[in-house]
Amino acid sequence: MSPEQIVEAALFASQTPLTARELARADDALDVRRVREALAALREHYDTDGRAFQVYQLGDGFQILTRPEFVPYLERFDSVPRPPTLSRAALETLAIIAYRQPIGRIEVEEIRGVASTSVLRTLQDWELIEIVGRGEGLGRPLLYGTTPRFLDHFALQSLDDLPAPEDLSVALVRAEPEAPADEAAPREEPAAG
């Protein structure tokens, strides 16, 4: 068997992304370099042949997935698994955690302005977030962070692939202490209208 065939078989059989190191365990003749070469060859082969699937890098791992342009055809089948549909509340909470992690429930609720316990539980059930530690405050509150599945769900290789915080809503950017106002400075008057 060629390295490409071995890597392809492992990726095809796996329901989760596999790292190059994990793929190298499939055969004694494989190492990380050979796996990466096989992955590149498979990508090129799938592109050349116009296949409906491709090898995608998700986080540190690789997975064979259907190309996005074929998703509408697959939506007609109940047997094709679908990723969870995230509500607005779940997306808001997930964004806050992704940009401010590690973060506690109380801080998430302060930013969102509403209780978030059930949303946090749902995101944990979907394995998009996890408990990453405990805070230093009263009662040592649980702190949340994103998981590798979060990266997979949004097709990110790392958190560095997220948009820059300065390009987002002010609520996600950490508040900086304001400089004391100069009392002698003139106040702006509202425009007459």
N, C-alpha and C. Protein backbone atom coordinates (compact mmCIF):
# COMPACT_ATOMS: atom_id res chain seq x y z
N MET A 1 0.83 -1.19 0.00
CA MET A 1 0.00 0.00 0.00
C MET A 1 0.88 1.25 0.00
N SER A 2 0.42 2.26 -0.71
CA SER A 2 1.16 3.52 -0.75
C SER A 2 0.80 4.36 0.48
N PRO A 3 1.66 5.31 0.85
CA PRO A 3 1.33 6.20 1.97
C PRO A 3 0.01 6.95 1.75
N GLU A 4 -0.25 7.36 0.49
CA GLU A 4 -1.50 8.06 0.19
C GLU A 4 -2.71 7.18 0.48
N GLN A 5 -2.63 5.91 0.10
CA GLN A 5 -3.75 4.99 0.34
C GLN A 5 -3.98 4.77 1.83
N ILE A 6 -2.90 4.61 2.58
CA ILE A 6 -3.03 4.38 4.02
C ILE A 6 -3.63 5.61 4.70
N VAL A 7 -3.11 6.79 4.36
CA VAL A 7 -3.63 8.04 4.95
C VAL A 7 -5.08 8.25 4.55
N GLU A 8 -5.39 8.01 3.29
CA GLU A 8 -6.76 8.17 2.80
C GLU A 8 -7.71 7.23 3.54
N ALA A 9 -7.32 5.97 3.73
CA ALA A 9 -8.17 5.00 4.43
C ALA A 9 -8.42 5.44 5.86
N ALA A 10 -7.37 5.90 6.53
CA ALA A 10 -7.52 6.34 7.93
C ALA A 10 -8.44 7.55 8.02
N LEU A 11 -8.26 8.52 7.13
CA LEU A 11 -9.11 9.71 7.14
C LEU A 11 -10.56 9.37 6.79
N PHE A 12 -10.73 8.49 5.83
CA PHE A 12 -12.07 8.10 5.40
C PHE A 12 -12.83 7.41 6.54
N ALA A 13 -12.15 6.59 7.32
CA ALA A 13 -12.79 5.83 8.38
C ALA A 13 -13.04 6.65 9.65
N SER A 14 -12.30 7.74 9.83
CA SER A 14 -12.40 8.52 11.06
C SER A 14 -13.55 9.52 10.99
N GLN A 15 -14.26 9.65 12.08
CA GLN A 15 -15.34 10.63 12.17
C GLN A 15 -14.86 11.95 12.75
N THR A 16 -13.61 11.99 13.18
CA THR A 16 -13.03 13.22 13.73
C THR A 16 -11.71 13.49 13.04
N PRO A 17 -11.22 14.73 13.09
CA PRO A 17 -9.93 15.03 12.48
C PRO A 17 -8.80 14.25 13.15
N LEU A 18 -7.81 13.88 12.36
CA LEU A 18 -6.64 13.17 12.85
C LEU A 18 -5.40 14.03 12.59
N THR A 19 -4.52 14.12 13.56
CA THR A 19 -3.28 14.87 13.38
C THR A 19 -2.32 14.05 12.51
N ALA A 20 -1.31 14.72 12.00
CA ALA A 20 -0.29 14.02 11.20
C ALA A 20 0.40 12.95 12.04
N ARG A 21 0.63 13.24 13.30
CA ARG A 21 1.27 12.27 14.20
C ARG A 21 0.37 11.04 14.39
N GLU A 22 -0.94 11.27 14.54
CA GLU A 22 -1.88 10.14 14.68
C GLU A 22 -1.92 9.32 13.40
N LEU A 23 -1.93 9.99 12.26
CA LEU A 23 -1.95 9.28 10.98
C LEU A 23 -0.68 8.45 10.77
N ALA A 24 0.44 8.94 11.28
CA ALA A 24 1.70 8.23 11.13
C ALA A 24 1.69 6.90 11.90
N ARG A 25 0.84 6.78 12.90
CA ARG A 25 0.74 5.52 13.66
C ARG A 25 0.09 4.41 12.85
N ALA A 26 -0.51 4.73 11.73
CA ALA A 26 -1.22 3.73 10.93
C ALA A 26 -0.28 2.68 10.33
N ASP A 27 0.98 3.05 10.11
CA ASP A 27 1.92 2.11 9.50
C ASP A 27 3.34 2.46 9.96
N ASP A 28 4.16 1.42 10.17
CA ASP A 28 5.53 1.64 10.62
C ASP A 28 6.37 2.42 9.62
N ALA A 29 6.01 2.37 8.35
CA ALA A 29 6.77 3.07 7.31
C ALA A 29 6.43 4.56 7.26
N LEU A 30 5.42 4.99 8.00
CA LEU A 30 5.00 6.40 7.96
C LEU A 30 5.66 7.20 9.07
N ASP A 31 5.96 8.45 8.76
CA ASP A 31 6.35 9.43 9.76
C ASP A 31 5.60 10.72 9.42
N VAL A 32 5.74 11.73 10.24
CA VAL A 32 4.97 12.97 10.04
C VAL A 32 5.26 13.58 8.68
N ARG A 33 6.51 13.57 8.26
CA ARG A 33 6.87 14.15 6.95
C ARG A 33 6.17 13.40 5.82
N ARG A 34 6.20 12.07 5.85
CA ARG A 34 5.55 11.28 4.80
C ARG A 34 4.03 11.48 4.82
N VAL A 35 3.47 11.62 6.01
CA VAL A 35 2.02 11.86 6.10
C VAL A 35 1.68 13.20 5.45
N ARG A 36 2.47 14.23 5.74
CA ARG A 36 2.20 15.55 5.14
C ARG A 36 2.34 15.50 3.62
N GLU A 37 3.31 14.77 3.14
CA GLU A 37 3.46 14.60 1.69
C GLU A 37 2.25 13.87 1.10
N ALA A 38 1.78 12.85 1.80
CA ALA A 38 0.60 12.10 1.33
C ALA A 38 -0.63 12.99 1.32
N LEU A 39 -0.78 13.81 2.36
CA LEU A 39 -1.92 14.74 2.41
C LEU A 39 -1.90 15.71 1.25
N ALA A 40 -0.72 16.25 0.94
CA ALA A 40 -0.59 17.18 -0.19
C ALA A 40 -0.92 16.47 -1.51
N ALA A 41 -0.46 15.24 -1.64
CA ALA A 41 -0.75 14.48 -2.87
C ALA A 41 -2.24 14.19 -2.99
N LEU A 42 -2.88 13.84 -1.89
CA LEU A 42 -4.33 13.58 -1.93
C LEU A 42 -5.10 14.84 -2.30
N ARG A 43 -4.72 15.97 -1.71
CA ARG A 43 -5.39 17.24 -2.06
C ARG A 43 -5.28 17.53 -3.55
N GLU A 44 -4.06 17.39 -4.07
CA GLU A 44 -3.84 17.65 -5.48
C GLU A 44 -4.66 16.69 -6.35
N HIS A 45 -4.66 15.42 -5.97
CA HIS A 45 -5.41 14.41 -6.72
C HIS A 45 -6.90 14.73 -6.72
N TYR A 46 -7.44 15.08 -5.55
CA TYR A 46 -8.88 15.39 -5.46
C TYR A 46 -9.22 16.63 -6.27
N ASP A 47 -8.33 17.63 -6.27
CA ASP A 47 -8.56 18.85 -7.06
C ASP A 47 -8.53 18.54 -8.55
N THR A 48 -7.52 17.79 -8.97
CA THR A 48 -7.36 17.45 -10.39
C THR A 48 -8.56 16.66 -10.91
N ASP A 49 -9.03 15.72 -10.10
CA ASP A 49 -10.16 14.88 -10.51
C ASP A 49 -11.52 15.56 -10.30
N GLY A 50 -11.53 16.73 -9.67
CA GLY A 50 -12.79 17.44 -9.43
C GLY A 50 -13.71 16.70 -8.45
N ARG A 51 -13.13 16.07 -7.46
CA ARG A 51 -13.92 15.30 -6.48
C ARG A 51 -14.84 16.20 -5.66
N ALA A 52 -15.90 15.61 -5.14
CA ALA A 52 -16.87 16.35 -4.33
C ALA A 52 -16.40 16.50 -2.89
N PHE A 53 -15.22 15.98 -2.58
CA PHE A 53 -14.68 16.07 -1.23
C PHE A 53 -13.23 16.52 -1.30
N GLN A 54 -12.69 16.90 -0.13
CA GLN A 54 -11.33 17.39 -0.05
C GLN A 54 -10.77 17.09 1.33
N VAL A 55 -9.46 17.09 1.47
CA VAL A 55 -8.82 16.97 2.78
C VAL A 55 -8.72 18.38 3.34
N TYR A 56 -9.38 18.60 4.48
CA TYR A 56 -9.36 19.90 5.14
C TYR A 56 -8.55 19.82 6.42
N GLN A 57 -7.83 20.90 6.72
CA GLN A 57 -7.14 20.98 7.99
C GLN A 57 -8.07 21.69 8.96
N LEU A 58 -8.35 21.03 10.08
CA LEU A 58 -9.21 21.58 11.12
C LEU A 58 -8.43 21.54 12.43
N GLY A 59 -8.06 22.71 12.92
CA GLY A 59 -7.21 22.74 14.09
C GLY A 59 -5.88 22.10 13.72
N ASP A 60 -5.42 21.16 14.53
CA ASP A 60 -4.17 20.45 14.25
C ASP A 60 -4.39 19.20 13.41
N GLY A 61 -5.66 18.87 13.16
CA GLY A 61 -5.97 17.62 12.48
C GLY A 61 -6.43 17.80 11.05
N PHE A 62 -6.64 16.66 10.40
CA PHE A 62 -7.08 16.63 9.01
C PHE A 62 -8.30 15.72 8.90
N GLN A 63 -9.19 16.06 7.98
CA GLN A 63 -10.40 15.27 7.80
C GLN A 63 -10.86 15.38 6.35
N ILE A 64 -11.42 14.30 5.83
CA ILE A 64 -12.01 14.34 4.49
C ILE A 64 -13.46 14.80 4.67
N LEU A 65 -13.79 15.91 4.00
CA LEU A 65 -15.13 16.49 4.10
C LEU A 65 -15.64 16.85 2.71
N THR A 66 -16.96 16.90 2.59
CA THR A 66 -17.59 17.31 1.35
C THR A 66 -17.29 18.79 1.10
N ARG A 67 -17.04 19.12 -0.13
CA ARG A 67 -16.81 20.52 -0.49
C ARG A 67 -18.11 21.31 -0.26
N PRO A 68 -17.98 22.56 0.17
CA PRO A 68 -19.16 23.37 0.51
C PRO A 68 -20.19 23.47 -0.61
N GLU A 69 -19.76 23.49 -1.85
CA GLU A 69 -20.72 23.66 -2.96
C GLU A 69 -21.66 22.47 -3.12
N PHE A 70 -21.36 21.33 -2.47
CA PHE A 70 -22.21 20.15 -2.58
C PHE A 70 -23.18 20.01 -1.39
N VAL A 71 -23.06 20.88 -0.40
CA VAL A 71 -23.92 20.79 0.79
C VAL A 71 -25.41 20.87 0.44
N PRO A 72 -25.86 21.74 -0.48
CA PRO A 72 -27.30 21.78 -0.78
C PRO A 72 -27.88 20.43 -1.22
N TYR A 73 -27.07 19.62 -1.90
CA TYR A 73 -27.56 18.31 -2.34
C TYR A 73 -27.68 17.35 -1.16
N LEU A 74 -26.80 17.48 -0.20
CA LEU A 74 -26.80 16.59 0.96
C LEU A 74 -27.90 16.93 1.97
N GLU A 75 -28.35 18.18 1.98
CA GLU A 75 -29.38 18.60 2.93
C GLU A 75 -30.71 17.89 2.71
N ARG A 76 -30.88 17.26 1.58
CA ARG A 76 -32.13 16.54 1.28
C ARG A 76 -32.20 15.19 1.98
N PHE A 77 -31.10 14.76 2.59
CA PHE A 77 -31.05 13.43 3.22
C PHE A 77 -31.02 13.54 4.74
N ASP A 78 -31.92 12.82 5.39
CA ASP A 78 -31.94 12.81 6.86
C ASP A 78 -30.77 12.03 7.43
N SER A 79 -30.19 11.14 6.66
CA SER A 79 -29.10 10.31 7.16
C SER A 79 -27.75 11.03 7.19
N VAL A 80 -27.66 12.22 6.59
CA VAL A 80 -26.41 12.98 6.59
C VAL A 80 -26.37 13.82 7.86
N PRO A 81 -25.35 13.61 8.71
CA PRO A 81 -25.28 14.38 9.96
C PRO A 81 -25.08 15.86 9.68
N ARG A 82 -25.70 16.67 10.52
CA ARG A 82 -25.59 18.12 10.41
C ARG A 82 -24.98 18.67 11.69
N PRO A 83 -24.14 19.68 11.56
CA PRO A 83 -23.62 20.29 12.78
C PRO A 83 -24.75 20.99 13.51
N PRO A 84 -24.61 21.18 14.82
CA PRO A 84 -25.67 21.84 15.56
C PRO A 84 -25.91 23.26 15.05
N THR A 85 -27.18 23.66 15.04
CA THR A 85 -27.53 25.02 14.67
C THR A 85 -27.43 25.86 15.92
N LEU A 86 -26.61 26.88 15.87
CA LEU A 86 -26.38 27.71 17.04
C LEU A 86 -27.34 28.89 17.04
N SER A 87 -28.02 29.06 18.17
CA SER A 87 -28.92 30.20 18.34
C SER A 87 -28.10 31.48 18.47
N ARG A 88 -28.77 32.59 18.39
CA ARG A 88 -28.09 33.88 18.57
C ARG A 88 -27.43 33.95 19.94
N ALA A 89 -28.14 33.47 20.97
CA ALA A 89 -27.59 33.48 22.33
C ALA A 89 -26.34 32.61 22.41
N ALA A 90 -26.36 31.44 21.75
CA ALA A 90 -25.20 30.56 21.76
C ALA A 90 -24.03 31.19 21.02
N LEU A 91 -24.29 31.82 19.88
CA LEU A 91 -23.22 32.48 19.14
C LEU A 91 -22.61 33.63 19.91
N GLU A 92 -23.47 34.43 20.57
CA GLU A 92 -22.97 35.54 21.39
C GLU A 92 -22.06 35.02 22.50
N THR A 93 -22.54 34.01 23.20
CA THR A 93 -21.79 33.44 24.31
C THR A 93 -20.49 32.83 23.82
N LEU A 94 -20.54 32.12 22.73
CA LEU A 94 -19.35 31.49 22.16
C LEU A 94 -18.32 32.53 21.73
N ALA A 95 -18.78 33.61 21.14
CA ALA A 95 -17.86 34.68 20.73
C ALA A 95 -17.19 35.32 21.94
N ILE A 96 -17.95 35.56 22.98
CA ILE A 96 -17.39 36.14 24.21
C ILE A 96 -16.32 35.21 24.78
N ILE A 97 -16.62 33.94 24.85
CA ILE A 97 -15.66 32.97 25.40
C ILE A 97 -14.42 32.88 24.52
N ALA A 98 -14.61 32.83 23.21
CA ALA A 98 -13.49 32.69 22.29
C ALA A 98 -12.51 33.86 22.43
N TYR A 99 -13.03 35.06 22.60
CA TYR A 99 -12.17 36.23 22.65
C TYR A 99 -11.68 36.57 24.06
N ARG A 100 -12.38 36.14 25.08
CA ARG A 100 -12.02 36.56 26.44
C ARG A 100 -11.57 35.41 27.33
N GLN A 101 -11.38 34.21 26.78
CA GLN A 101 -11.06 33.04 27.60
C GLN A 101 -9.70 33.17 28.27
N PRO A 102 -9.55 32.59 29.45
CA PRO A 102 -10.60 31.92 30.23
C PRO A 102 -11.51 32.96 30.88
N ILE A 103 -12.78 32.63 30.93
CA ILE A 103 -13.78 33.58 31.42
C ILE A 103 -14.83 32.83 32.23
N GLY A 104 -15.32 33.47 33.27
CA GLY A 104 -16.34 32.87 34.12
C GLY A 104 -17.75 33.23 33.68
N ARG A 105 -18.71 32.48 34.20
CA ARG A 105 -20.12 32.68 33.86
C ARG A 105 -20.58 34.10 34.20
N ILE A 106 -20.19 34.61 35.36
CA ILE A 106 -20.65 35.94 35.78
C ILE A 106 -20.18 37.01 34.79
N GLU A 107 -18.94 36.92 34.35
CA GLU A 107 -18.43 37.89 33.39
C GLU A 107 -19.16 37.78 32.04
N VAL A 108 -19.46 36.56 31.62
CA VAL A 108 -20.23 36.36 30.38
C VAL A 108 -21.60 37.03 30.53
N GLU A 109 -22.23 36.81 31.68
CA GLU A 109 -23.56 37.39 31.91
C GLU A 109 -23.51 38.92 31.99
N GLU A 110 -22.43 39.48 32.55
CA GLU A 110 -22.29 40.93 32.59
C GLU A 110 -22.21 41.51 31.18
N ILE A 111 -21.47 40.82 30.31
CA ILE A 111 -21.33 41.30 28.94
C ILE A 111 -22.64 41.16 28.17
N ARG A 112 -23.29 40.00 28.31
CA ARG A 112 -24.53 39.75 27.56
C ARG A 112 -25.73 40.45 28.17
N GLY A 113 -25.71 40.67 29.48
CA GLY A 113 -26.83 41.33 30.14
C GLY A 113 -27.97 40.39 30.48
N VAL A 114 -27.77 39.07 30.31
CA VAL A 114 -28.81 38.08 30.63
C VAL A 114 -28.14 36.84 31.22
N ALA A 115 -28.94 36.03 31.91
CA ALA A 115 -28.45 34.77 32.46
C ALA A 115 -27.97 33.87 31.32
N SER A 116 -26.89 33.16 31.57
CA SER A 116 -26.29 32.35 30.51
C SER A 116 -26.04 30.91 30.90
N THR A 117 -26.55 30.48 32.04
CA THR A 117 -26.29 29.13 32.53
C THR A 117 -26.70 28.06 31.53
N SER A 118 -27.92 28.16 31.00
CA SER A 118 -28.40 27.12 30.09
C SER A 118 -27.63 27.14 28.77
N VAL A 119 -27.24 28.31 28.29
CA VAL A 119 -26.47 28.40 27.05
C VAL A 119 -25.10 27.78 27.26
N LEU A 120 -24.48 28.05 28.41
CA LEU A 120 -23.17 27.46 28.70
C LEU A 120 -23.27 25.94 28.76
N ARG A 121 -24.33 25.45 29.37
CA ARG A 121 -24.52 23.99 29.46
C ARG A 121 -24.68 23.38 28.06
N THR A 122 -25.45 24.04 27.21
CA THR A 122 -25.65 23.54 25.84
C THR A 122 -24.33 23.53 25.07
N LEU A 123 -23.56 24.60 25.19
CA LEU A 123 -22.27 24.66 24.49
C LEU A 123 -21.31 23.60 25.00
N GLN A 124 -21.40 23.28 26.30
CA GLN A 124 -20.59 22.19 26.85
C GLN A 124 -21.08 20.84 26.30
N ASP A 125 -22.39 20.66 26.24
CA ASP A 125 -22.94 19.40 25.71
C ASP A 125 -22.51 19.18 24.27
N TRP A 126 -22.42 20.25 23.49
CA TRP A 126 -21.99 20.16 22.10
C TRP A 126 -20.47 20.13 21.98
N GLU A 127 -19.79 20.18 23.11
CA GLU A 127 -18.33 20.12 23.19
C GLU A 127 -17.65 21.27 22.44
N LEU A 128 -18.31 22.44 22.42
CA LEU A 128 -17.71 23.62 21.82
C LEU A 128 -16.93 24.42 22.85
N ILE A 129 -17.30 24.27 24.13
CA ILE A 129 -16.56 24.89 25.23
C ILE A 129 -16.33 23.84 26.31
N GLU A 130 -15.37 24.15 27.20
CA GLU A 130 -15.09 23.25 28.31
C GLU A 130 -14.61 24.08 29.49
N ILE A 131 -14.63 23.46 30.66
CA ILE A 131 -14.10 24.11 31.84
C ILE A 131 -12.58 23.99 31.77
N VAL A 132 -11.90 25.14 31.87
CA VAL A 132 -10.45 25.15 31.73
C VAL A 132 -9.73 25.49 33.03
N GLY A 133 -10.49 25.78 34.07
CA GLY A 133 -9.87 26.10 35.34
C GLY A 133 -10.85 26.74 36.29
N ARG A 134 -10.30 27.31 37.34
CA ARG A 134 -11.11 28.00 38.35
C ARG A 134 -10.53 29.39 38.56
N GLY A 135 -11.42 30.35 38.78
CA GLY A 135 -11.00 31.72 39.03
C GLY A 135 -10.50 31.90 40.45
N GLU A 136 -9.95 33.07 40.70
CA GLU A 136 -9.42 33.38 42.02
C GLU A 136 -10.46 34.01 42.94
N GLY A 137 -11.62 34.37 42.43
CA GLY A 137 -12.62 35.08 43.21
C GLY A 137 -13.34 34.21 44.24
N LEU A 138 -14.31 34.81 44.86
CA LEU A 138 -15.12 34.16 45.88
C LEU A 138 -15.74 32.88 45.33
N GLY A 139 -15.53 31.76 46.00
CA GLY A 139 -16.09 30.49 45.56
C GLY A 139 -15.31 29.84 44.42
N ARG A 140 -14.21 30.49 44.00
CA ARG A 140 -13.39 29.96 42.90
C ARG A 140 -14.26 29.53 41.71
N PRO A 141 -14.84 30.51 41.01
CA PRO A 141 -15.77 30.19 39.91
C PRO A 141 -15.10 29.43 38.78
N LEU A 142 -15.91 28.62 38.08
CA LEU A 142 -15.44 27.88 36.92
C LEU A 142 -15.09 28.85 35.79
N LEU A 143 -14.04 28.54 35.08
CA LEU A 143 -13.65 29.33 33.92
C LEU A 143 -13.82 28.49 32.66
N TYR A 144 -14.31 29.11 31.60
CA TYR A 144 -14.61 28.42 30.36
C TYR A 144 -13.64 28.83 29.26
N GLY A 145 -13.38 27.90 28.34
CA GLY A 145 -12.58 28.16 27.16
C GLY A 145 -13.11 27.31 26.01
N THR A 146 -12.65 27.59 24.82
CA THR A 146 -13.10 26.84 23.65
C THR A 146 -12.34 25.51 23.55
N THR A 147 -12.86 24.61 22.74
CA THR A 147 -12.30 23.27 22.57
C THR A 147 -11.80 23.08 21.13
N PRO A 148 -11.10 21.99 20.87
CA PRO A 148 -10.74 21.70 19.48
C PRO A 148 -11.97 21.54 18.58
N ARG A 149 -13.07 21.06 19.13
CA ARG A 149 -14.29 20.93 18.33
C ARG A 149 -14.80 22.30 17.88
N PHE A 150 -14.59 23.33 18.72
CA PHE A 150 -14.94 24.69 18.33
C PHE A 150 -14.18 25.06 17.06
N LEU A 151 -12.87 24.78 17.05
CA LEU A 151 -12.06 25.07 15.86
C LEU A 151 -12.59 24.30 14.66
N ASP A 152 -12.91 23.02 14.87
CA ASP A 152 -13.44 22.19 13.78
C ASP A 152 -14.76 22.74 13.25
N HIS A 153 -15.66 23.11 14.17
CA HIS A 153 -16.99 23.58 13.79
C HIS A 153 -16.90 24.81 12.88
N PHE A 154 -15.96 25.71 13.18
CA PHE A 154 -15.84 26.93 12.41
C PHE A 154 -14.69 26.88 11.39
N ALA A 155 -14.14 25.66 11.18
CA ALA A 155 -13.06 25.43 10.20
C ALA A 155 -11.88 26.38 10.43
N LEU A 156 -11.46 26.48 11.68
CA LEU A 156 -10.31 27.30 12.05
C LEU A 156 -9.14 26.39 12.38
N GLN A 157 -7.95 26.84 12.06
CA GLN A 157 -6.77 26.08 12.44
C GLN A 157 -6.34 26.44 13.85
N SER A 158 -6.58 27.70 14.26
CA SER A 158 -6.26 28.15 15.61
C SER A 158 -7.11 29.37 15.92
N LEU A 159 -7.07 29.79 17.17
CA LEU A 159 -7.81 31.00 17.56
C LEU A 159 -7.27 32.24 16.87
N ASP A 160 -6.03 32.18 16.39
CA ASP A 160 -5.44 33.30 15.65
C ASP A 160 -6.18 33.57 14.34
N ASP A 161 -6.96 32.59 13.85
CA ASP A 161 -7.73 32.77 12.62
C ASP A 161 -9.01 33.56 12.82
N LEU A 162 -9.38 33.84 14.08
CA LEU A 162 -10.56 34.66 14.36
C LEU A 162 -10.30 36.09 13.90
N PRO A 163 -11.35 36.83 13.55
CA PRO A 163 -11.15 38.24 13.20
C PRO A 163 -10.51 38.99 14.37
N ALA A 164 -9.77 40.02 14.06
CA ALA A 164 -9.11 40.82 15.10
C ALA A 164 -10.17 41.47 15.99
N PRO A 165 -9.94 41.50 17.31
CA PRO A 165 -10.93 42.09 18.22
C PRO A 165 -11.30 43.53 17.88
N GLU A 166 -10.34 44.30 17.38
CA GLU A 166 -10.65 45.70 17.05
C GLU A 166 -11.63 45.83 15.89
N ASP A 167 -11.83 44.74 15.13
CA ASP A 167 -12.78 44.75 14.03
C ASP A 167 -14.18 44.34 14.47
N LEU A 168 -14.35 44.05 15.76
CA LEU A 168 -15.61 43.54 16.28
C LEU A 168 -16.30 44.54 17.18
N SER A 169 -17.46 44.14 17.66
CA SER A 169 -18.24 44.95 18.58
C SER A 169 -17.41 45.31 19.81
N VAL A 170 -17.66 46.48 20.36
CA VAL A 170 -16.95 46.96 21.53
C VAL A 170 -17.11 46.01 22.71
N ALA A 171 -18.20 45.28 22.79
CA ALA A 171 -18.46 44.40 23.93
C ALA A 171 -17.42 43.29 24.07
N LEU A 172 -16.78 42.90 22.99
CA LEU A 172 -15.81 41.82 23.05
C LEU A 172 -14.41 42.30 23.42
N VAL A 173 -14.15 43.58 23.25
CA VAL A 173 -12.83 44.12 23.53
C VAL A 173 -12.73 44.42 25.02
N ARG A 174 -11.63 44.04 25.62
CA ARG A 174 -11.44 44.29 27.05
C ARG A 174 -11.48 45.79 27.31
N ALA A 175 -12.20 46.16 28.36
CA ALA A 175 -12.33 47.57 28.71
C ALA A 175 -11.00 48.07 29.26
N GLU A 176 -10.56 49.21 28.77
CA GLU A 176 -9.35 49.86 29.27
C GLU A 176 -9.78 50.94 30.25
N PRO A 177 -9.05 51.15 31.34
CA PRO A 177 -9.42 52.20 32.27
C PRO A 177 -9.37 53.55 31.56
N GLU A 178 -10.38 54.35 31.82
CA GLU A 178 -10.44 55.67 31.19
C GLU A 178 -9.53 56.62 31.93
N ALA A 179 -8.94 57.54 31.18
CA ALA A 179 -8.11 58.57 31.79
C ALA A 179 -9.03 59.55 32.52
N PRO A 180 -8.58 60.09 33.65
CA PRO A 180 -9.44 61.03 34.37
C PRO A 180 -9.78 62.23 33.49
N ALA A 181 -11.02 62.63 33.57
CA ALA A 181 -11.47 63.77 32.76
C ALA A 181 -10.88 65.05 33.32
N ASP A 182 -10.44 65.90 32.42
CA ASP A 182 -9.91 67.20 32.83
C ASP A 182 -11.10 68.11 33.08
N GLU A 183 -11.25 68.55 34.32
CA GLU A 183 -12.44 69.34 34.68
C GLU A 183 -12.45 70.68 33.97
N ALA A 184 -11.27 71.16 33.54
CA ALA A 184 -11.22 72.45 32.87
C ALA A 184 -11.59 72.33 31.39
N ALA A 185 -11.65 71.12 30.89
CA ALA A 185 -11.94 70.95 29.47
C ALA A 185 -13.40 71.31 29.21
N PRO A 186 -13.67 72.01 28.13
CA PRO A 186 -15.07 72.38 27.83
C PRO A 186 -15.89 71.17 27.44
N ARG A 187 -17.13 71.17 27.87
CA ARG A 187 -18.05 70.09 27.50
C ARG A 187 -18.66 70.38 26.14
N GLU A 188 -18.90 69.32 25.42
CA GLU A 188 -19.57 69.51 24.13
C GLU A 188 -21.05 69.64 24.36
N GLU A 189 -21.65 70.59 23.73
CA GLU A 189 -23.10 70.78 23.82
C GLU A 189 -23.77 70.04 22.70
N PRO A 190 -24.95 69.47 22.96
CA PRO A 190 -25.67 68.79 21.88
C PRO A 190 -26.02 69.75 20.78
N ALA A 191 -25.99 69.27 19.57
CA ALA A 191 -26.33 70.11 18.42
C ALA A 191 -27.80 70.45 18.46
N ALA A 192 -28.10 71.67 18.11
CA ALA A 192 -29.50 72.10 18.06
C ALA A 192 -30.17 71.46 16.88
N GLY A 193 -31.39 71.04 17.06
CA GLY A 193 -31.98 70.37 15.93
C GLY A 193 -33.33 70.66 15.79
